[in-house]
PDB file of all heavy atoms in Angstrom:
ATOM      1  N   LYS A   1     110.483 148.375  97.532  1.00  0.00           N
ATOM      2  CA  LYS A   1     111.452 148.038  96.460  1.00  0.00           C
ATOM      3  C   LYS A   1     112.117 146.822  96.899  1.00  0.00           C
ATOM      4  O   LYS A   1     112.423 145.800  96.022  1.00  0.00           O
ATOM      5  CB  LYS A   1     112.466 149.173  96.230  1.00  0.00           C
ATOM      6  CG  LYS A   1     111.960 150.343  95.419  1.00  0.00           C
ATOM      7  CD  LYS A   1     112.862 151.487  95.300  1.00  0.00           C
ATOM      8  CE  LYS A   1     112.461 152.630  94.665  1.00  0.00           C
ATOM      9  NZ  LYS A   1     113.351 153.746  94.604  1.00  0.00           N
ATOM     10  N   SER A   2     112.334 146.634  98.182  1.00  0.00           N
ATOM     11  CA  SER A   2     113.123 145.440  98.643  1.00  0.00           C
ATOM     12  C   SER A   2     112.263 144.356  98.530  1.00  0.00           C
ATOM     13  O   SER A   2     112.678 143.179  98.251  1.00  0.00           O
ATOM     14  CB  SER A   2     113.592 145.685 100.137  1.00  0.00           C
ATOM     15  OG  SER A   2     112.570 145.743 101.016  1.00  0.00           O
ATOM     16  N   MET A   3     110.900 144.391  98.869  1.00  0.00           N
ATOM     17  CA  MET A   3     110.112 143.414  98.588  1.00  0.00           C
ATOM     18  C   MET A   3     109.825 142.940  97.224  1.00  0.00           C
ATOM     19  O   MET A   3     109.674 141.756  96.882  1.00  0.00           O
ATOM     20  CB  MET A   3     108.604 143.784  99.203  1.00  0.00           C
ATOM     21  CG  MET A   3     108.741 144.052 100.720  1.00  0.00           C
ATOM     22  SD  MET A   3     108.889 142.527 101.699  1.00  0.00           S
ATOM     23  CE  MET A   3     107.423 141.671 101.392  1.00  0.00           C
ATOM     24  N   SER A   4     109.823 143.956  96.305  1.00  0.00           N
ATOM     25  CA  SER A   4     109.590 143.637  94.836  1.00  0.00           C
ATOM     26  C   SER A   4     110.784 143.022  94.422  1.00  0.00           C
ATOM     27  O   SER A   4     110.747 142.310  93.287  1.00  0.00           O
ATOM     28  CB  SER A   4     109.366 144.873  94.094  1.00  0.00           C
ATOM     29  OG  SER A   4     110.575 145.773  94.128  1.00  0.00           O
ATOM     30  N   GLY A   5     112.022 142.950  95.002  1.00  0.00           N
ATOM     31  CA  GLY A   5     113.158 142.332  94.486  1.00  0.00           C
ATOM     32  C   GLY A   5     113.304 140.853  94.922  1.00  0.00           C
ATOM     33  O   GLY A   5     114.188 140.143  94.468  1.00  0.00           O
ATOM     34  N   LEU A   6     112.286 140.383  95.573  1.00  0.00           N
ATOM     35  CA  LEU A   6     112.199 139.036  96.062  1.00  0.00           C
ATOM     36  C   LEU A   6     111.859 138.191  94.749  1.00  0.00           C
ATOM     37  O   LEU A   6     111.050 138.448  93.887  1.00  0.00           O
ATOM     38  CB  LEU A   6     111.272 138.808  97.142  1.00  0.00           C
ATOM     39  CG  LEU A   6     111.466 139.377  98.502  1.00  0.00           C
ATOM     40  CD1 LEU A   6     110.349 139.163  99.383  1.00  0.00           C
ATOM     41  CD2 LEU A   6     112.746 138.792  99.153  1.00  0.00           C
ATOM     42  N   SER A   7     112.321 136.895  94.867  1.00  0.00           N
ATOM     43  CA  SER A   7     112.075 136.017  93.758  1.00  0.00           C
ATOM     44  C   SER A   7     112.143 134.569  94.226  1.00  0.00           C
ATOM     45  O   SER A   7     112.864 134.248  95.217  1.00  0.00           O
ATOM     46  CB  SER A   7     113.035 136.164  92.448  1.00  0.00           C
ATOM     47  OG  SER A   7     114.328 135.812  92.894  1.00  0.00           O
ATOM     48  N   LEU A   8     111.362 133.586  93.675  1.00  0.00           N
ATOM     49  CA  LEU A   8     111.353 132.201  93.896  1.00  0.00           C
ATOM     50  C   LEU A   8     111.809 131.475  92.595  1.00  0.00           C
ATOM     51  O   LEU A   8     111.098 131.394  91.677  1.00  0.00           O
ATOM     52  CB  LEU A   8     110.057 131.760  94.385  1.00  0.00           C
ATOM     53  CG  LEU A   8     109.934 130.370  94.871  1.00  0.00           C
ATOM     54  CD1 LEU A   8     110.778 130.142  96.119  1.00  0.00           C
ATOM     55  CD2 LEU A   8     108.511 129.985  95.182  1.00  0.00           C
ATOM     56  N   PRO A   9     113.021 130.891  92.702  1.00  0.00           N
ATOM     57  CA  PRO A   9     113.542 130.161  91.592  1.00  0.00           C
ATOM     58  C   PRO A   9     112.676 129.095  91.060  1.00  0.00           C
ATOM     59  O   PRO A   9     111.980 128.386  91.873  1.00  0.00           O
ATOM     60  CB  PRO A   9     114.855 129.612  92.104  1.00  0.00           C
ATOM     61  CG  PRO A   9     115.283 130.555  93.191  1.00  0.00           C
ATOM     62  CD  PRO A   9     113.996 130.972  93.837  1.00  0.00           C
ATOM     63  N   MET A  10     112.453 128.983  89.836  1.00  0.00           N
ATOM     64  CA  MET A  10     111.553 127.970  89.250  1.00  0.00           C
ATOM     65  C   MET A  10     112.018 126.502  89.510  1.00  0.00           C
ATOM     66  O   MET A  10     111.074 125.734  89.775  1.00  0.00           O
ATOM     67  CB  MET A  10     111.553 128.253  87.785  1.00  0.00           C
ATOM     68  CG  MET A  10     110.797 129.473  87.185  1.00  0.00           C
ATOM     69  SD  MET A  10     109.079 129.525  87.897  1.00  0.00           S
ATOM     70  CE  MET A  10     108.410 128.116  87.155  1.00  0.00           C
ATOM     71  N   ASP A  11     113.237 126.405  89.539  1.00  0.00           N
ATOM     72  CA  ASP A  11     113.694 124.973  89.934  1.00  0.00           C
ATOM     73  C   ASP A  11     113.199 124.531  91.352  1.00  0.00           C
ATOM     74  O   ASP A  11     112.856 123.425  91.561  1.00  0.00           O
ATOM     75  CB  ASP A  11     115.234 124.813  89.604  1.00  0.00           C
ATOM     76  CG  ASP A  11     115.933 125.716  90.466  1.00  0.00           C
ATOM     77  OD1 ASP A  11     115.406 126.740  90.941  1.00  0.00           O
ATOM     78  OD2 ASP A  11     117.313 125.392  90.727  1.00  0.00           O
ATOM     79  N   ALA A  12     113.440 125.553  92.253  1.00  0.00           N
ATOM     80  CA  ALA A  12     113.011 125.344  93.630  1.00  0.00           C
ATOM     81  C   ALA A  12     111.460 125.152  93.687  1.00  0.00           C
ATOM     82  O   ALA A  12     111.124 124.235  94.350  1.00  0.00           O
ATOM     83  CB  ALA A  12     113.500 126.495  94.518  1.00  0.00           C
ATOM     84  N   MET A  13     110.794 125.911  93.022  1.00  0.00           N
ATOM     85  CA  MET A  13     109.359 125.781  92.892  1.00  0.00           C
ATOM     86  C   MET A  13     108.907 124.460  92.416  1.00  0.00           C
ATOM     87  O   MET A  13     108.055 123.802  93.028  1.00  0.00           O
ATOM     88  CB  MET A  13     108.734 126.981  92.143  1.00  0.00           C
ATOM     89  CG  MET A  13     107.236 127.083  92.211  1.00  0.00           C
ATOM     90  SD  MET A  13     106.750 127.520  93.921  1.00  0.00           S
ATOM     91  CE  MET A  13     105.009 127.408  93.847  1.00  0.00           C
ATOM     92  N   SER A  14     109.488 123.864  91.418  1.00  0.00           N
ATOM     93  CA  SER A  14     109.130 122.665  90.761  1.00  0.00           C
ATOM     94  C   SER A  14     109.449 121.649  91.735  1.00  0.00           C
ATOM     95  O   SER A  14     108.688 120.606  91.853  1.00  0.00           O
ATOM     96  CB  SER A  14     109.909 122.501  89.440  1.00  0.00           C
ATOM     97  OG  SER A  14     109.576 123.533  88.440  1.00  0.00           O
ATOM     98  N   ARG A  15     110.681 121.654  92.299  1.00  0.00           N
ATOM     99  CA  ARG A  15     110.930 120.638  93.268  1.00  0.00           C
ATOM    100  C   ARG A  15     109.921 120.548  94.537  1.00  0.00           C
ATOM    101  O   ARG A  15     109.607 119.475  94.935  1.00  0.00           O
ATOM    102  CB  ARG A  15     112.402 120.926  93.786  1.00  0.00           C
ATOM    103  CG  ARG A  15     112.917 119.748  94.845  1.00  0.00           C
ATOM    104  CD  ARG A  15     114.407 119.898  95.116  1.00  0.00           C
ATOM    105  NE  ARG A  15     114.732 121.263  95.747  1.00  0.00           N
ATOM    106  CZ  ARG A  15     115.132 122.342  95.179  1.00  0.00           C
ATOM    107  NH1 ARG A  15     115.547 122.264  93.985  1.00  0.00           N
ATOM    108  NH2 ARG A  15     115.429 123.419  95.885  1.00  0.00           N
ATOM    109  N   LEU A  16     109.556 121.797  94.982  1.00  0.00           N
ATOM    110  CA  LEU A  16     108.652 121.762  96.167  1.00  0.00           C
ATOM    111  C   LEU A  16     107.255 121.241  95.708  1.00  0.00           C
ATOM    112  O   LEU A  16     106.702 120.510  96.460  1.00  0.00           O
ATOM    113  CB  LEU A  16     108.564 123.303  96.609  1.00  0.00           C
ATOM    114  CG  LEU A  16     109.548 123.775  97.446  1.00  0.00           C
ATOM    115  CD1 LEU A  16     109.423 125.296  97.636  1.00  0.00           C
ATOM    116  CD2 LEU A  16     109.856 123.133  98.610  1.00  0.00           C
ATOM    117  N   GLN A  17     106.873 121.516  94.526  1.00  0.00           N
ATOM    118  CA  GLN A  17     105.587 121.004  93.999  1.00  0.00           C
ATOM    119  C   GLN A  17     105.698 119.475  93.957  1.00  0.00           C
ATOM    120  O   GLN A  17     104.673 118.788  94.331  1.00  0.00           O
ATOM    121  CB  GLN A  17     105.327 121.544  92.628  1.00  0.00           C
ATOM    122  CG  GLN A  17     104.880 123.083  92.650  1.00  0.00           C
ATOM    123  CD  GLN A  17     104.598 123.722  91.307  1.00  0.00           C
ATOM    124  OE1 GLN A  17     105.230 123.225  90.255  1.00  0.00           O
ATOM    125  NE2 GLN A  17     103.784 124.646  91.204  1.00  0.00           N
ATOM    126  N   ALA A  18     106.720 118.991  93.418  1.00  0.00           N
ATOM    127  CA  ALA A  18     106.828 117.470  93.286  1.00  0.00           C
ATOM    128  C   ALA A  18     106.885 116.835  94.606  1.00  0.00           C
ATOM    129  O   ALA A  18     106.120 115.706  94.850  1.00  0.00           O
ATOM    130  CB  ALA A  18     108.139 117.189  92.419  1.00  0.00           C
ATOM    131  N   ASP A  19     107.574 117.392  95.508  1.00  0.00           N
ATOM    132  CA  ASP A  19     107.627 116.790  96.959  1.00  0.00           C
ATOM    133  C   ASP A  19     106.262 116.970  97.518  1.00  0.00           C
ATOM    134  O   ASP A  19     105.820 116.018  98.277  1.00  0.00           O
ATOM    135  CB  ASP A  19     108.641 117.676  97.770  1.00  0.00           C
ATOM    136  CG  ASP A  19     110.048 117.351  97.331  1.00  0.00           C
ATOM    137  OD1 ASP A  19     110.311 116.411  96.630  1.00  0.00           O
ATOM    138  OD2 ASP A  19     110.994 118.186  97.682  1.00  0.00           O
ATOM    139  N   TYR A  20     105.482 118.062  97.405  1.00  0.00           N
ATOM    140  CA  TYR A  20     104.335 118.219  98.035  1.00  0.00           C
ATOM    141  C   TYR A  20     103.295 117.077  97.427  1.00  0.00           C
ATOM    142  O   TYR A  20     102.604 116.449  98.296  1.00  0.00           O
ATOM    143  CB  TYR A  20     103.691 119.560  97.735  1.00  0.00           C
ATOM    144  CG  TYR A  20     102.362 119.827  98.359  1.00  0.00           C
ATOM    145  CD1 TYR A  20     102.234 120.345  99.590  1.00  0.00           C
ATOM    146  CD2 TYR A  20     101.073 119.603  97.592  1.00  0.00           C
ATOM    147  CE1 TYR A  20     101.016 120.555 100.179  1.00  0.00           C
ATOM    148  CE2 TYR A  20      99.868 119.796  98.173  1.00  0.00           C
ATOM    149  CZ  TYR A  20      99.773 120.261  99.444  1.00  0.00           C
ATOM    150  OH  TYR A  20      98.571 120.540 100.018  1.00  0.00           O
ATOM    151  N   VAL A  21     103.166 117.018  96.177  1.00  0.00           N
ATOM    152  CA  VAL A  21     102.320 115.922  95.569  1.00  0.00           C
ATOM    153  C   VAL A  21     102.573 114.575  96.058  1.00  0.00           C
ATOM    154  O   VAL A  21     101.828 113.796  96.470  1.00  0.00           O
ATOM    155  CB  VAL A  21     102.427 116.000  94.020  1.00  0.00           C
ATOM    156  CG1 VAL A  21     101.540 114.740  93.380  1.00  0.00           C
ATOM    157  CG2 VAL A  21     101.759 117.286  93.480  1.00  0.00           C
ATOM    158  N   SER A  22     104.022 114.247  96.159  1.00  0.00           N
ATOM    159  CA  SER A  22     104.406 112.899  96.733  1.00  0.00           C
ATOM    160  C   SER A  22     103.940 112.639  98.085  1.00  0.00           C
ATOM    161  O   SER A  22     103.518 111.676  98.405  1.00  0.00           O
ATOM    162  CB  SER A  22     106.004 112.759  96.557  1.00  0.00           C
ATOM    163  OG  SER A  22     106.383 111.503  96.953  1.00  0.00           O
ATOM    164  N   GLN A  23     104.214 113.688  98.954  1.00  0.00           N
ATOM    165  CA  GLN A  23     103.940 113.608 100.378  1.00  0.00           C
ATOM    166  C   GLN A  23     102.380 113.551 100.535  1.00  0.00           C
ATOM    167  O   GLN A  23     101.838 112.764 101.504  1.00  0.00           O
ATOM    168  CB  GLN A  23     104.542 114.720 101.190  1.00  0.00           C
ATOM    169  CG  GLN A  23     106.007 114.676 101.185  1.00  0.00           C
ATOM    170  CD  GLN A  23     106.685 115.883 101.982  1.00  0.00           C
ATOM    171  OE1 GLN A  23     106.270 116.106 103.196  1.00  0.00           O
ATOM    172  NE2 GLN A  23     107.413 116.623 101.191  1.00  0.00           N
ATOM    173  N   ALA A  24     101.602 114.303  99.882  1.00  0.00           N
ATOM    174  CA  ALA A  24     100.155 114.323  99.998  1.00  0.00           C
ATOM    175  C   ALA A  24      99.626 112.973  99.581  1.00  0.00           C
ATOM    176  O   ALA A  24      98.713 112.341 100.348  1.00  0.00           O
ATOM    177  CB  ALA A  24      99.536 115.375  99.093  1.00  0.00           C
ATOM    178  N   ALA A  25     100.206 112.420  98.472  1.00  0.00           N
ATOM    179  CA  ALA A  25      99.697 111.027  98.079  1.00  0.00           C
ATOM    180  C   ALA A  25     100.016 109.967  99.190  1.00  0.00           C
ATOM    181  O   ALA A  25      99.137 109.103  99.491  1.00  0.00           O
ATOM    182  CB  ALA A  25     100.310 110.655  96.758  1.00  0.00           C
ATOM    183  N   GLN A  26     101.256 110.108  99.777  1.00  0.00           N
ATOM    184  CA  GLN A  26     101.659 109.148 100.637  1.00  0.00           C
ATOM    185  C   GLN A  26     100.776 109.302 101.951  1.00  0.00           C
ATOM    186  O   GLN A  26     100.308 108.304 102.575  1.00  0.00           O
ATOM    187  CB  GLN A  26     102.991 109.362 101.200  1.00  0.00           C
ATOM    188  CG  GLN A  26     103.631 108.352 102.194  1.00  0.00           C
ATOM    189  CD  GLN A  26     103.760 106.854 101.583  1.00  0.00           C
ATOM    190  OE1 GLN A  26     104.130 106.763 100.423  1.00  0.00           O
ATOM    191  NE2 GLN A  26     103.101 105.899 102.246  1.00  0.00           N
ATOM    192  N   MET A  27     100.451 110.632 102.377  1.00  0.00           N
ATOM    193  CA  MET A  27      99.610 110.781 103.582  1.00  0.00           C
ATOM    194  C   MET A  27      98.204 110.241 103.288  1.00  0.00           C
ATOM    195  O   MET A  27      97.645 109.606 104.113  1.00  0.00           O
ATOM    196  CB  MET A  27      99.542 112.241 103.777  1.00  0.00           C
ATOM    197  CG  MET A  27      98.635 112.676 104.925  1.00  0.00           C
ATOM    198  SD  MET A  27      98.378 114.517 104.959  1.00  0.00           S
ATOM    199  CE  MET A  27      97.275 114.670 103.488  1.00  0.00           C
ATOM    200  N   TRP A  28      97.670 110.466 102.176  1.00  0.00           N
ATOM    201  CA  TRP A  28      96.298 109.854 101.901  1.00  0.00           C
ATOM    202  C   TRP A  28      96.289 108.459 101.884  1.00  0.00           C
ATOM    203  O   TRP A  28      95.341 107.810 102.348  1.00  0.00           O
ATOM    204  CB  TRP A  28      95.846 110.416 100.473  1.00  0.00           C
ATOM    205  CG  TRP A  28      94.509 110.002 100.004  1.00  0.00           C
ATOM    206  CD1 TRP A  28      94.340 108.955  99.076  1.00  0.00           C
ATOM    207  CD2 TRP A  28      93.199 110.331 100.489  1.00  0.00           C
ATOM    208  NE1 TRP A  28      92.925 108.733  99.096  1.00  0.00           N
ATOM    209  CE2 TRP A  28      92.246 109.522  99.974  1.00  0.00           C
ATOM    210  CE3 TRP A  28      92.774 111.406 101.553  1.00  0.00           C
ATOM    211  CZ2 TRP A  28      90.906 109.685 100.217  1.00  0.00           C
ATOM    212  CZ3 TRP A  28      91.504 111.548 101.789  1.00  0.00           C
ATOM    213  CH2 TRP A  28      90.514 110.683 101.043  1.00  0.00           C
ATOM    214  N   ASN A  29      97.253 107.761 101.301  1.00  0.00           N
ATOM    215  CA  ASN A  29      97.288 106.303 101.249  1.00  0.00           C
ATOM    216  C   ASN A  29      97.404 105.731 102.559  1.00  0.00           C
ATOM    217  O   ASN A  29      96.749 104.810 102.989  1.00  0.00           O
ATOM    218  CB  ASN A  29      98.394 105.812 100.295  1.00  0.00           C
ATOM    219  CG  ASN A  29      98.261 106.101  98.808  1.00  0.00           C
ATOM    220  OD1 ASN A  29      96.925 106.213  98.427  1.00  0.00           O
ATOM    221  ND2 ASN A  29      99.228 106.357  98.078  1.00  0.00           N
ATOM    222  N   ASP A  30      98.227 106.368 103.487  1.00  0.00           N
ATOM    223  CA  ASP A  30      98.547 105.811 104.823  1.00  0.00           C
ATOM    224  C   ASP A  30      97.238 105.861 105.619  1.00  0.00           C
ATOM    225  O   ASP A  30      96.889 105.032 106.358  1.00  0.00           O
ATOM    226  CB  ASP A  30      99.632 106.609 105.504  1.00  0.00           C
ATOM    227  CG  ASP A  30     100.980 106.211 104.925  1.00  0.00           C
ATOM    228  OD1 ASP A  30     101.020 105.181 104.176  1.00  0.00           O
ATOM    229  OD2 ASP A  30     101.987 106.880 105.210  1.00  0.00           O
ATOM    230  N   SER A  31      96.525 107.087 105.533  1.00  0.00           N
ATOM    231  CA  SER A  31      95.298 107.345 106.221  1.00  0.00           C
ATOM    232  C   SER A  31      94.192 106.415 105.868  1.00  0.00           C
ATOM    233  O   SER A  31      93.401 105.957 106.604  1.00  0.00           O
ATOM    234  CB  SER A  31      94.909 108.814 106.047  1.00  0.00           C
ATOM    235  OG  SER A  31      95.805 109.568 106.635  1.00  0.00           O
ATOM    236  N   LEU A  32      94.151 106.198 104.559  1.00  0.00           N
ATOM    237  CA  LEU A  32      93.073 105.343 104.073  1.00  0.00           C
ATOM    238  C   LEU A  32      93.261 103.801 104.472  1.00  0.00           C
ATOM    239  O   LEU A  32      92.300 103.252 104.846  1.00  0.00           O
ATOM    240  CB  LEU A  32      93.031 105.343 102.375  1.00  0.00           C
ATOM    241  CG  LEU A  32      91.964 104.604 101.733  1.00  0.00           C
ATOM    242  CD1 LEU A  32      90.670 105.228 102.137  1.00  0.00           C
ATOM    243  CD2 LEU A  32      92.112 104.771 100.136  1.00  0.00           C
ATOM    244  N   THR A  33      94.471 103.377 104.400  1.00  0.00           N
ATOM    245  CA  THR A  33      94.834 102.158 104.852  1.00  0.00           C
ATOM    246  C   THR A  33      94.528 101.934 106.324  1.00  0.00           C
ATOM    247  O   THR A  33      93.796 100.918 106.740  1.00  0.00           O
ATOM    248  CB  THR A  33      96.334 101.758 104.705  1.00  0.00           C
ATOM    249  OG1 THR A  33      96.648 101.838 103.306  1.00  0.00           O
ATOM    250  CG2 THR A  33      96.615 100.359 105.084  1.00  0.00           C
ATOM    251  N   ARG A  34      94.881 102.928 107.147  1.00  0.00           N
ATOM    252  CA  ARG A  34      94.627 102.841 108.590  1.00  0.00           C
ATOM    253  C   ARG A  34      93.057 102.824 108.875  1.00  0.00           C
ATOM    254  O   ARG A  34      92.636 102.173 109.705  1.00  0.00           O
ATOM    255  CB  ARG A  34      95.305 103.989 109.289  1.00  0.00           C
ATOM    256  CG  ARG A  34      95.005 104.139 110.751  1.00  0.00           C
ATOM    257  CD  ARG A  34      95.658 103.093 111.615  1.00  0.00           C
ATOM    258  NE  ARG A  34      95.334 103.116 112.970  1.00  0.00           N
ATOM    259  CZ  ARG A  34      96.064 103.904 113.802  1.00  0.00           C
ATOM    260  NH1 ARG A  34      97.063 104.593 113.479  1.00  0.00           N
ATOM    261  NH2 ARG A  34      95.715 103.897 115.129  1.00  0.00           N
ATOM    262  N   PHE A  35      92.383 103.659 108.101  1.00  0.00           N
ATOM    263  CA  PHE A  35      90.944 103.790 108.285  1.00  0.00           C
ATOM    264  C   PHE A  35      90.178 102.586 107.950  1.00  0.00           C
ATOM    265  O   PHE A  35      89.253 102.159 108.596  1.00  0.00           O
ATOM    266  CB  PHE A  35      90.428 105.085 107.530  1.00  0.00           C
ATOM    267  CG  PHE A  35      88.922 105.210 107.718  1.00  0.00           C
ATOM    268  CD1 PHE A  35      88.413 105.851 108.913  1.00  0.00           C
ATOM    269  CD2 PHE A  35      88.083 104.958 106.731  1.00  0.00           C
ATOM    270  CE1 PHE A  35      87.154 106.197 108.966  1.00  0.00           C
ATOM    271  CE2 PHE A  35      86.696 105.182 106.898  1.00  0.00           C
ATOM    272  CZ  PHE A  35      86.234 105.700 108.111  1.00  0.00           C
ATOM    273  N   GLN A  36      90.573 101.903 106.797  1.00  0.00           N
ATOM    274  CA  GLN A  36      89.942 100.708 106.530  1.00  0.00           C
ATOM    275  C   GLN A  36      90.232  99.570 107.442  1.00  0.00           C
ATOM    276  O   GLN A  36      89.413  98.602 107.609  1.00  0.00           O
ATOM    277  CB  GLN A  36      90.510 100.276 105.091  1.00  0.00           C
ATOM    278  CG  GLN A  36      89.999 101.176 103.885  1.00  0.00           C
ATOM    279  CD  GLN A  36      90.740 100.793 102.556  1.00  0.00           C
ATOM    280  OE1 GLN A  36      91.709 100.287 102.615  1.00  0.00           O
ATOM    281  NE2 GLN A  36      90.012 101.213 101.522  1.00  0.00           N
ATOM    282  N   LYS A  37      91.265  99.648 108.205  1.00  0.00           N
ATOM    283  CA  LYS A  37      91.840  98.724 109.004  1.00  0.00           C
ATOM    284  C   LYS A  37      91.065  98.821 110.430  1.00  0.00           C
ATOM    285  O   LYS A  37      90.438  97.767 110.881  1.00  0.00           O
ATOM    286  CB  LYS A  37      93.262  98.783 109.417  1.00  0.00           C
ATOM    287  CG  LYS A  37      93.772  97.687 110.395  1.00  0.00           C
ATOM    288  CD  LYS A  37      95.337  97.779 110.534  1.00  0.00           C
ATOM    289  CE  LYS A  37      95.790  96.722 111.588  1.00  0.00           C
ATOM    290  NZ  LYS A  37      97.353  96.945 111.712  1.00  0.00           N
ATOM    291  N   ASP A  38      90.950  99.983 111.102  1.00  0.00           N
ATOM    292  CA  ASP A  38      90.245 100.070 112.308  1.00  0.00           C
ATOM    293  C   ASP A  38      89.379 101.281 112.456  1.00  0.00           C
ATOM    294  O   ASP A  38      89.014 101.666 113.571  1.00  0.00           O
ATOM    295  CB  ASP A  38      91.368 100.090 113.372  1.00  0.00           C
ATOM    296  CG  ASP A  38      92.472 101.117 113.151  1.00  0.00           C
ATOM    297  OD1 ASP A  38      92.211 102.115 112.434  1.00  0.00           O
ATOM    298  OD2 ASP A  38      93.564 101.099 113.762  1.00  0.00           O
ATOM    299  N   GLY A  39      89.181 101.896 111.318  1.00  0.00           N
ATOM    300  CA  GLY A  39      88.261 103.022 111.377  1.00  0.00           C
ATOM    301  C   GLY A  39      88.900 104.343 112.012  1.00  0.00           C
ATOM    302  O   GLY A  39      88.139 105.303 112.210  1.00  0.00           O
ATOM    303  N   LYS A  40      90.145 104.312 111.993  1.00  0.00           N
ATOM    304  CA  LYS A  40      90.787 105.480 112.583  1.00  0.00           C
ATOM    305  C   LYS A  40      91.774 106.117 111.557  1.00  0.00           C
ATOM    306  O   LYS A  40      92.278 105.406 110.667  1.00  0.00           O
ATOM    307  CB  LYS A  40      91.546 105.180 113.925  1.00  0.00           C
ATOM    308  CG  LYS A  40      90.641 104.844 115.103  1.00  0.00           C
ATOM    309  CD  LYS A  40      91.276 104.639 116.294  1.00  0.00           C
ATOM    310  CE  LYS A  40      90.350 104.104 117.460  1.00  0.00           C
ATOM    311  NZ  LYS A  40      91.117 103.845 118.676  1.00  0.00           N
ATOM    312  N   ALA A  41      92.237 107.291 111.689  1.00  0.00           N
ATOM    313  CA  ALA A  41      93.277 107.897 110.781  1.00  0.00           C
ATOM    314  C   ALA A  41      94.514 107.863 111.488  1.00  0.00           C
ATOM    315  O   ALA A  41      94.579 107.598 112.728  1.00  0.00           O
ATOM    316  CB  ALA A  41      92.853 109.465 110.555  1.00  0.00           C
ATOM    317  N   ALA A  42      95.766 107.937 110.595  1.00  0.00           N
ATOM    318  CA  ALA A  42      97.024 107.928 111.232  1.00  0.00           C
ATOM    319  C   ALA A  42      97.113 109.266 111.941  1.00  0.00           C
ATOM    320  O   ALA A  42      96.771 110.338 111.715  1.00  0.00           O
ATOM    321  CB  ALA A  42      98.058 107.949 110.141  1.00  0.00           C
ATOM    322  N   ALA A  43      97.890 109.140 113.061  1.00  0.00           N
ATOM    323  CA  ALA A  43      97.990 110.328 114.013  1.00  0.00           C
ATOM    324  C   ALA A  43      99.034 111.196 113.521  1.00  0.00           C
ATOM    325  O   ALA A  43     100.112 110.832 113.060  1.00  0.00           O
ATOM    326  CB  ALA A  43      98.438 109.701 115.441  1.00  0.00           C
TER     327      ALA A  43
END
């Protein structure tokens, strides 16, 4: 019953999703730039 009482607010979920997409895109772009430069990924 206590577990079923848990909830994740939609506004928090939306914010986390937006932050995740933004950080994933930044990570991909940084790694791609580094790989094109010297063949290595960002550490």
